[in-house]
Amino acid sequence: MGPTDTRDPQYYHRVVDCQWACPAHTNVPEYIRLIAAGM
């Protein structure tokens, strides 16, 4: 196993399960932040 490269955007597609597993590939954390901000 090689070192983790967090500069690679694909890394986040593998580790952010709620976005990766979503059929629409919705950025759930950002969606929740927008709701919390009243948008």
PDB file of N, CA and C in Angstrom:
ATOM      1  N   MET A   1       0.846  -1.167   0.000  1.00  0.00           N
ATOM      2  CA  MET A   1       0.000   0.000   0.000  1.00  0.00           C
ATOM      3  C   MET A   1       0.896   1.235   0.000  1.00  0.00           C
ATOM      4  N   GLY A   2       0.603   2.163  -0.888  1.00  0.00           N
ATOM      5  CA  GLY A   2       1.397   3.384  -0.993  1.00  0.00           C
ATOM      6  C   GLY A   2       0.901   4.462  -0.039  1.00  0.00           C
ATOM      7  N   PRO A   3       1.620   5.566   0.022  1.00  0.00           N
ATOM      8  CA  PRO A   3       1.201   6.667   0.890  1.00  0.00           C
ATOM      9  C   PRO A   3      -0.075   7.321   0.360  1.00  0.00           C
ATOM     10  N   THR A   4      -0.820   7.925   1.246  1.00  0.00           N
ATOM     11  CA  THR A   4      -2.055   8.620   0.875  1.00  0.00           C
ATOM     12  C   THR A   4      -1.719   9.962   0.245  1.00  0.00           C
ATOM     13  N   ASP A   5      -2.281  10.240  -0.919  1.00  0.00           N
ATOM     14  CA  ASP A   5      -2.079  11.524  -1.595  1.00  0.00           C
ATOM     15  C   ASP A   5      -3.397  12.286  -1.563  1.00  0.00           C
ATOM     16  N   THR A   6      -3.549  13.167  -0.579  1.00  0.00           N
ATOM     17  CA  THR A   6      -4.807  13.912  -0.436  1.00  0.00           C
ATOM     18  C   THR A   6      -4.934  15.027  -1.473  1.00  0.00           C
ATOM     19  N   ARG A   7      -3.889  15.254  -2.267  1.00  0.00           N
ATOM     20  CA  ARG A   7      -3.993  16.243  -3.351  1.00  0.00           C
ATOM     21  C   ARG A   7      -4.769  15.675  -4.536  1.00  0.00           C
ATOM     22  N   ASP A   8      -4.923  14.367  -4.575  1.00  0.00           N
ATOM     23  CA  ASP A   8      -5.627  13.684  -5.659  1.00  0.00           C
ATOM     24  C   ASP A   8      -7.128  13.707  -5.376  1.00  0.00           C
ATOM     25  N   PRO A   9      -7.934  14.408  -6.192  1.00  0.00           N
ATOM     26  CA  PRO A   9      -9.381  14.471  -5.939  1.00  0.00           C
ATOM     27  C   PRO A   9     -10.049  13.095  -5.883  1.00  0.00           C
ATOM     28  N   GLN A  10      -9.508  12.122  -6.608  1.00  0.00           N
ATOM     29  CA  GLN A  10     -10.100  10.786  -6.587  1.00  0.00           C
ATOM     30  C   GLN A  10     -10.000  10.144  -5.207  1.00  0.00           C
ATOM     31  N   TYR A  11      -9.030  10.565  -4.410  1.00  0.00           N
ATOM     32  CA  TYR A  11      -8.900  10.058  -3.039  1.00  0.00           C
ATOM     33  C   TYR A  11     -10.196  10.295  -2.275  1.00  0.00           C
ATOM     34  N   TYR A  12     -10.765  11.480  -2.422  1.00  0.00           N
ATOM     35  CA  TYR A  12     -11.974  11.817  -1.680  1.00  0.00           C
ATOM     36  C   TYR A  12     -13.190  11.064  -2.200  1.00  0.00           C
ATOM     37  N   HIS A  13     -13.181  10.699  -3.455  1.00  0.00           N
ATOM     38  CA  HIS A  13     -14.281   9.892  -3.984  1.00  0.00           C
ATOM     39  C   HIS A  13     -14.266   8.493  -3.384  1.00  0.00           C
ATOM     40  N   ARG A  14     -13.112   8.056  -2.935  1.00  0.00           N
ATOM     41  CA  ARG A  14     -13.023   6.738  -2.317  1.00  0.00           C
ATOM     42  C   ARG A  14     -13.323   6.781  -0.829  1.00  0.00           C
ATOM     43  N   VAL A  15     -13.031   7.895  -0.159  1.00  0.00           N
ATOM     44  CA  VAL A  15     -13.179   7.930   1.296  1.00  0.00           C
ATOM     45  C   VAL A  15     -14.457   8.611   1.772  1.00  0.00           C
ATOM     46  N   VAL A  16     -15.097   9.410   0.943  1.00  0.00           N
ATOM     47  CA  VAL A  16     -16.336  10.073   1.337  1.00  0.00           C
ATOM     48  C   VAL A  16     -17.484   9.181   0.874  1.00  0.00           C
ATOM     49  N   ASP A  17     -17.782   8.171   1.696  1.00  0.00           N
ATOM     50  CA  ASP A  17     -18.757   7.153   1.307  1.00  0.00           C
ATOM     51  C   ASP A  17     -20.129   7.723   1.002  1.00  0.00           C
ATOM     52  N   CYS A  18     -20.574   8.725   1.761  1.00  0.00           N
ATOM     53  CA  CYS A  18     -21.921   9.248   1.537  1.00  0.00           C
ATOM     54  C   CYS A  18     -22.040   9.903   0.164  1.00  0.00           C
ATOM     55  N   GLN A  19     -20.944  10.396  -0.398  1.00  0.00           N
ATOM     56  CA  GLN A  19     -20.989  10.961  -1.747  1.00  0.00           C
ATOM     57  C   GLN A  19     -20.740   9.868  -2.780  1.00  0.00           C
ATOM     58  N   TRP A  20     -19.756   9.023  -2.536  1.00  0.00           N
ATOM     59  CA  TRP A  20     -19.386   7.981  -3.494  1.00  0.00           C
ATOM     60  C   TRP A  20     -20.515   6.968  -3.673  1.00  0.00           C
ATOM     61  N   ALA A  21     -21.204   6.625  -2.577  1.00  0.00           N
ATOM     62  CA  ALA A  21     -22.252   5.618  -2.634  1.00  0.00           C
ATOM     63  C   ALA A  21     -23.585   6.185  -3.112  1.00  0.00           C
ATOM     64  N   CYS A  22     -23.723   7.496  -3.106  1.00  0.00           N
ATOM     65  CA  CYS A  22     -24.980   8.126  -3.529  1.00  0.00           C
ATOM     66  C   CYS A  22     -25.177   7.906  -5.025  1.00  0.00           C
ATOM     67  N   PRO A  23     -26.349   7.429  -5.448  1.00  0.00           N
ATOM     68  CA  PRO A  23     -26.575   7.198  -6.877  1.00  0.00           C
ATOM     69  C   PRO A  23     -26.413   8.466  -7.717  1.00  0.00           C
ATOM     70  N   ALA A  24     -26.710   9.629  -7.126  1.00  0.00           N
ATOM     71  CA  ALA A  24     -26.586  10.893  -7.852  1.00  0.00           C
ATOM     72  C   ALA A  24     -25.228  11.551  -7.617  1.00  0.00           C
ATOM     73  N   HIS A  25     -24.354  10.903  -6.836  1.00  0.00           N
ATOM     74  CA  HIS A  25     -23.038  11.449  -6.469  1.00  0.00           C
ATOM     75  C   HIS A  25     -23.166  12.856  -5.887  1.00  0.00           C
ATOM     76  N   THR A  26     -24.193  13.045  -5.065  1.00  0.00           N
ATOM     77  CA  THR A  26     -24.429  14.322  -4.399  1.00  0.00           C
ATOM     78  C   THR A  26     -23.385  14.542  -3.316  1.00  0.00           C
ATOM     79  N   ASN A  27     -22.876  15.766  -3.244  1.00  0.00           N
ATOM     80  CA  ASN A  27     -21.928  16.134  -2.196  1.00  0.00           C
ATOM     81  C   ASN A  27     -22.734  16.385  -0.927  1.00  0.00           C
ATOM     82  N   VAL A  28     -23.026  15.327  -0.195  1.00  0.00           N
ATOM     83  CA  VAL A  28     -23.900  15.391   0.978  1.00  0.00           C
ATOM     84  C   VAL A  28     -23.378  16.349   2.044  1.00  0.00           C
ATOM     85  N   PRO A  29     -22.094  16.309   2.415  1.00  0.00           N
ATOM     86  CA  PRO A  29     -21.626  17.250   3.436  1.00  0.00           C
ATOM     87  C   PRO A  29     -21.856  18.712   3.046  1.00  0.00           C
ATOM     88  N   GLU A  30     -21.622  19.063   1.783  1.00  0.00           N
ATOM     89  CA  GLU A  30     -21.851  20.439   1.331  1.00  0.00           C
ATOM     90  C   GLU A  30     -23.345  20.758   1.340  1.00  0.00           C
ATOM     91  N   TYR A  31     -24.165  19.824   0.943  1.00  0.00           N
ATOM     92  CA  TYR A  31     -25.617  20.002   0.954  1.00  0.00           C
ATOM     93  C   TYR A  31     -26.104  20.305   2.369  1.00  0.00           C
ATOM     94  N   ILE A  32     -25.599  19.570   3.345  1.00  0.00           N
ATOM     95  CA  ILE A  32     -25.981  19.792   4.745  1.00  0.00           C
ATOM     96  C   ILE A  32     -25.500  21.159   5.218  1.00  0.00           C
ATOM     97  N   ARG A  33     -24.281  21.561   4.820  1.00  0.00           N
ATOM     98  CA  ARG A  33     -23.774  22.892   5.193  1.00  0.00           C
ATOM     99  C   ARG A  33     -24.664  23.992   4.630  1.00  0.00           C
ATOM    100  N   LEU A  34     -25.112  23.839   3.396  1.00  0.00           N
ATOM    101  CA  LEU A  34     -25.987  24.843   2.786  1.00  0.00           C
ATOM    102  C   LEU A  34     -27.332  24.920   3.504  1.00  0.00           C
ATOM    103  N   ILE A  35     -27.886  23.782   3.874  1.00  0.00           N
ATOM    104  CA  ILE A  35     -29.144  23.771   4.627  1.00  0.00           C
ATOM    105  C   ILE A  35     -28.949  24.481   5.961  1.00  0.00           C
ATOM    106  N   ALA A  36     -27.855  24.180   6.650  1.00  0.00           N
ATOM    107  CA  ALA A  36     -27.574  24.805   7.943  1.00  0.00           C
ATOM    108  C   ALA A  36     -27.401  26.312   7.803  1.00  0.00           C
ATOM    109  N   ALA A  37     -26.892  26.761   6.655  1.00  0.00           N
ATOM    110  CA  ALA A  37     -26.691  28.188   6.416  1.00  0.00           C
ATOM    111  C   ALA A  37     -27.976  28.870   5.961  1.00  0.00           C
ATOM    112  N   GLY A  38     -29.058  28.099   5.798  1.00  0.00           N
ATOM    113  CA  GLY A  38     -30.344  28.667   5.393  1.00  0.00           C
ATOM    114  C   GLY A  38     -30.460  28.924   3.907  1.00  0.00           C
ATOM    115  N   MET A  39     -29.690  28.234   3.110  1.00  0.00           N
ATOM    116  CA  MET A  39     -29.724  28.456   1.663  1.00  0.00           C
ATOM    117  C   MET A  39     -30.661  27.499   0.987  1.00  0.00           C
TER     118      MET A  39
END
